[in-house]
Amino acid sequence: AAPVKPHEPRPFTLPTPDRNVEAVAAYLMHRGISPKVLRYCVGSGILYQTTRGNYRNCVFVGKDENGVPRSAFQRGCQGSYRGDVTGSQKKYGFLMQAENPDCDTVELYEAPIDAMSGATLRQYTDIGKWRSVHYLALGGLNYLPIDYFLQQHPEVKRVSLCFDRDAPGRNFTKIVAKRLAERGYIVQDAPPAIGKDYNDYLLAA
């Protein structure tokens, strides 16, 4: 029998960025995201626009501890297209860093738009302090980015679980809350007050 070749992971390459982010900005502002949060994400290199055929996509980037992109998730500005970029390493989530590097609190979300929605809600209700916490989107119900983030941020002691208010989200909340509490973290269950997810909550608010 011929020897079986070992599986080689496909290399990760970010999609080619467009010259501007007009379609992405229009789409996300339609979803209620504030211009200030948008500017932060674009300026930090964790959000940009790419073109695929006749469609414009949002690209949400996950970086490692050295700021090197290691994962990316695409969301169409039109239609329902969404998917991970080939070769993405799922332990690198979409992270919006707190302004203070010694910040002891992180909020966990399922999707990047939910994390941006949480930041926008805080901006509107706690003027000037929306970057007082970290916002981490896991790219689904995925534990890997939680472990990686906490390894890189030993100063973090408080974790808010902002997952969807549906059966999978609620079940995942219970699992994560138990694991983190056993590790000594202060855990808050913080599902959206209105709707299924934080973007629903933002639009309702």
Protein backbone atom coordinates (compact mmCIF):
# COMPACT_ATOMS: atom_id res chain seq x y z
CA ALA A 1 0.00 0.00 0.00
CA ALA A 2 1.19 3.50 -0.77
CA PRO A 3 2.23 5.46 2.31
CA VAL A 4 -0.36 7.93 3.53
CA LYS A 5 0.83 11.50 3.20
CA PRO A 6 0.48 13.54 6.39
CA HIS A 7 -2.19 16.22 6.24
CA GLU A 8 -0.64 19.63 5.73
CA PRO A 9 -2.70 22.63 6.85
CA ARG A 10 -3.40 25.07 4.07
CA PRO A 11 -1.47 28.34 4.38
CA PHE A 12 -3.30 31.38 5.70
CA THR A 13 -3.40 34.46 3.49
CA LEU A 14 -5.59 37.49 4.06
CA PRO A 15 -7.89 38.47 1.16
CA THR A 16 -6.66 41.47 -0.83
CA PRO A 17 -7.99 44.69 0.72
CA ASP A 18 -9.93 47.28 -1.27
CA ARG A 19 -8.74 50.88 -1.41
CA ASN A 20 -11.55 52.02 0.89
CA VAL A 21 -14.11 50.68 3.36
CA GLU A 22 -17.18 52.54 2.10
CA ALA A 23 -19.40 49.47 1.65
CA VAL A 24 -18.30 47.99 4.97
CA ALA A 25 -18.92 51.26 6.81
CA ALA A 26 -22.37 51.64 5.24
CA TYR A 27 -23.29 48.03 6.05
CA LEU A 28 -22.11 48.14 9.67
CA MET A 29 -23.63 51.56 10.36
CA HIS A 30 -26.90 50.15 9.01
CA ARG A 31 -26.45 47.45 11.67
CA GLY A 32 -26.17 50.22 14.28
CA ILE A 33 -22.39 50.23 14.80
CA SER A 34 -21.08 53.67 15.78
CA PRO A 35 -18.55 55.52 13.57
CA LYS A 36 -16.16 55.71 16.52
CA VAL A 37 -16.08 51.92 16.99
CA LEU A 38 -15.74 51.48 13.21
CA ARG A 39 -12.78 53.87 13.05
CA TYR A 40 -11.05 52.05 15.89
CA CYS A 41 -11.42 48.64 14.21
CA VAL A 42 -10.27 49.88 10.79
CA GLY A 43 -7.39 51.84 12.31
CA SER A 44 -6.28 48.80 14.33
CA GLY A 45 -6.13 46.63 11.21
CA ILE A 46 -8.77 44.18 12.47
CA LEU A 47 -11.45 45.24 9.98
CA TYR A 48 -11.27 46.04 6.27
CA GLN A 49 -13.13 45.59 2.98
CA THR A 50 -12.50 43.15 0.16
CA THR A 51 -14.24 42.42 -3.14
CA ARG A 52 -15.26 38.95 -4.31
CA GLY A 53 -16.80 39.00 -7.76
CA ASN A 54 -19.49 41.67 -7.64
CA TYR A 55 -19.78 41.56 -3.86
CA ARG A 56 -18.12 43.54 -1.08
CA ASN A 57 -17.23 41.75 2.13
CA CYS A 58 -16.27 42.74 5.66
CA VAL A 59 -13.06 41.02 6.78
CA PHE A 60 -12.67 40.64 10.56
CA VAL A 61 -9.08 39.76 11.53
CA GLY A 62 -7.72 37.82 14.49
CA LYS A 63 -4.09 38.53 15.45
CA ASP A 64 -1.49 36.79 17.61
CA GLU A 65 0.42 38.29 20.54
CA ASN A 66 2.84 39.98 18.11
CA GLY A 67 0.08 41.60 16.06
CA VAL A 68 0.45 39.15 13.16
CA PRO A 69 -2.86 38.18 11.47
CA ARG A 70 -3.60 34.47 12.02
CA SER A 71 -7.30 34.19 11.28
CA ALA A 72 -10.05 36.05 9.45
CA PHE A 73 -13.78 35.81 9.03
CA GLN A 74 -15.70 37.27 6.07
CA ARG A 75 -19.26 38.63 6.12
CA GLY A 76 -20.97 39.84 2.98
CA CYS A 77 -22.21 43.41 2.86
CA GLN A 78 -25.04 42.09 0.69
CA GLY A 79 -26.81 38.76 1.02
CA SER A 80 -25.99 36.14 3.63
CA TYR A 81 -22.44 35.09 2.73
CA ARG A 82 -20.19 34.33 5.69
CA GLY A 83 -17.21 32.08 6.28
CA ASP A 84 -13.71 31.68 7.65
CA VAL A 85 -10.75 32.49 5.41
CA THR A 86 -8.86 29.32 4.42
CA GLY A 87 -6.06 28.44 6.83
CA SER A 88 -7.47 30.47 9.74
CA GLN A 89 -6.34 29.31 13.17
CA LYS A 90 -9.47 29.39 15.32
CA LYS A 91 -7.71 30.16 18.59
CA TYR A 92 -7.10 33.73 17.41
CA GLY A 93 -10.32 35.67 17.95
CA PHE A 94 -11.42 39.14 16.90
CA LEU A 95 -10.11 41.31 19.74
CA MET A 96 -10.85 44.94 20.48
CA GLN A 97 -8.27 45.87 23.09
CA ALA A 98 -9.02 47.96 26.16
CA GLU A 99 -7.24 51.30 26.27
CA ASN A 100 -5.55 50.42 29.59
CA PRO A 101 -3.17 47.43 29.13
CA ASP A 102 -3.77 46.53 32.80
CA CYS A 103 -7.54 46.19 32.28
CA ASP A 104 -8.89 43.26 34.31
CA THR A 105 -12.17 42.66 32.39
CA VAL A 106 -13.06 40.99 29.10
CA GLU A 107 -16.45 40.60 27.44
CA LEU A 108 -16.89 37.47 25.30
CA TYR A 109 -19.16 37.39 22.24
CA GLU A 110 -19.89 34.84 19.54
CA ALA A 111 -19.44 37.11 16.49
CA PRO A 112 -17.44 40.26 15.65
CA ILE A 113 -20.57 42.32 14.90
CA ASP A 114 -21.92 41.41 18.35
CA ALA A 115 -18.65 42.54 19.98
CA MET A 116 -18.84 45.83 18.04
CA SER A 117 -22.47 46.15 19.11
CA GLY A 118 -21.51 45.71 22.76
CA ALA A 119 -18.85 48.41 22.37
CA THR A 120 -21.34 50.74 20.69
CA LEU A 121 -23.88 50.24 23.49
CA ARG A 122 -21.23 51.12 26.07
CA GLN A 123 -20.18 54.18 24.07
CA TYR A 124 -23.76 55.47 24.08
CA THR A 125 -24.41 54.74 27.77
CA ASP A 126 -20.99 55.42 29.33
CA ILE A 127 -19.67 58.33 27.28
CA GLY A 128 -15.91 58.33 26.88
CA LYS A 129 -15.33 54.94 28.48
CA TRP A 130 -16.25 52.40 25.82
CA ARG A 131 -12.65 51.15 25.71
CA SER A 132 -12.64 50.44 29.45
CA VAL A 133 -12.87 46.67 28.78
CA HIS A 134 -11.60 44.14 26.23
CA TYR A 135 -14.12 42.78 23.68
CA LEU A 136 -13.34 39.32 22.25
CA ALA A 137 -15.40 37.57 19.55
CA LEU A 138 -14.83 33.83 19.45
CA GLY A 139 -16.01 33.09 15.93
CA GLY A 140 -18.87 30.90 17.13
CA LEU A 141 -19.18 28.69 20.19
CA ASN A 142 -15.46 28.10 20.33
CA TYR A 143 -13.44 27.77 23.55
CA LEU A 144 -9.96 28.05 21.97
CA PRO A 145 -9.80 31.89 21.78
CA ILE A 146 -10.80 32.14 25.45
CA ASP A 147 -7.83 30.06 26.60
CA TYR A 148 -5.42 31.88 24.30
CA PHE A 149 -6.63 35.33 25.39
CA LEU A 150 -6.41 34.50 29.09
CA GLN A 151 -2.88 33.09 28.66
CA GLN A 152 -1.83 36.36 27.03
CA HIS A 153 -3.65 38.54 29.59
CA PRO A 154 -2.89 37.21 33.09
CA GLU A 155 -4.11 40.50 34.57
CA VAL A 156 -7.71 39.71 33.53
CA LYS A 157 -9.82 38.50 36.46
CA ARG A 158 -13.38 39.28 35.35
CA VAL A 159 -15.19 37.70 32.40
CA SER A 160 -18.63 38.69 31.07
CA LEU A 161 -20.35 36.06 28.92
CA CYS A 162 -22.35 37.90 26.26
CA PHE A 163 -23.43 34.94 24.14
CA ASP A 164 -26.68 34.64 22.17
CA ARG A 165 -29.96 34.20 23.96
CA ASP A 166 -30.79 30.89 22.24
CA ALA A 167 -30.39 27.26 23.29
CA PRO A 168 -26.80 26.79 21.98
CA GLY A 169 -25.70 30.13 23.45
CA ARG A 170 -27.25 29.45 26.84
CA ASN A 171 -25.76 25.94 27.00
CA PHE A 172 -22.32 27.25 26.06
CA THR A 173 -22.63 29.94 28.72
CA LYS A 174 -23.14 27.27 31.41
CA ILE A 175 -20.10 25.29 30.24
CA VAL A 176 -17.79 28.32 30.02
CA ALA A 177 -19.02 29.77 33.32
CA LYS A 178 -18.27 26.51 35.13
CA ARG A 179 -14.79 26.15 33.59
CA LEU A 180 -13.78 29.72 34.34
CA ALA A 181 -15.20 29.74 37.86
CA GLU A 182 -13.18 26.61 38.62
CA ARG A 183 -10.09 28.51 37.48
CA GLY A 184 -10.83 31.37 39.88
CA TYR A 185 -12.30 33.94 37.50
CA ILE A 186 -15.20 36.21 38.45
CA VAL A 187 -17.84 35.34 35.85
CA GLN A 188 -20.91 37.37 34.88
CA ASP A 189 -23.73 35.96 32.76
CA ALA A 190 -24.69 38.89 30.49
CA PRO A 191 -26.97 37.78 27.61
CA PRO A 192 -28.62 40.51 25.51
CA ALA A 193 -31.51 42.17 27.32
CA ILE A 194 -33.54 42.26 24.10
CA GLY A 195 -33.48 39.93 21.07
CA LYS A 196 -31.32 36.94 20.20
CA ASP A 197 -27.91 38.63 20.14
CA TYR A 198 -26.20 41.91 20.96
CA ASN A 199 -26.81 43.36 17.53
CA ASP A 200 -30.55 42.78 17.99
CA TYR A 201 -30.22 44.47 21.38
CA LEU A 202 -28.34 47.44 19.91
CA LEU A 203 -30.90 47.96 17.13
CA ALA A 204 -33.77 47.75 19.60
CA ALA A 205 -32.07 50.17 21.98
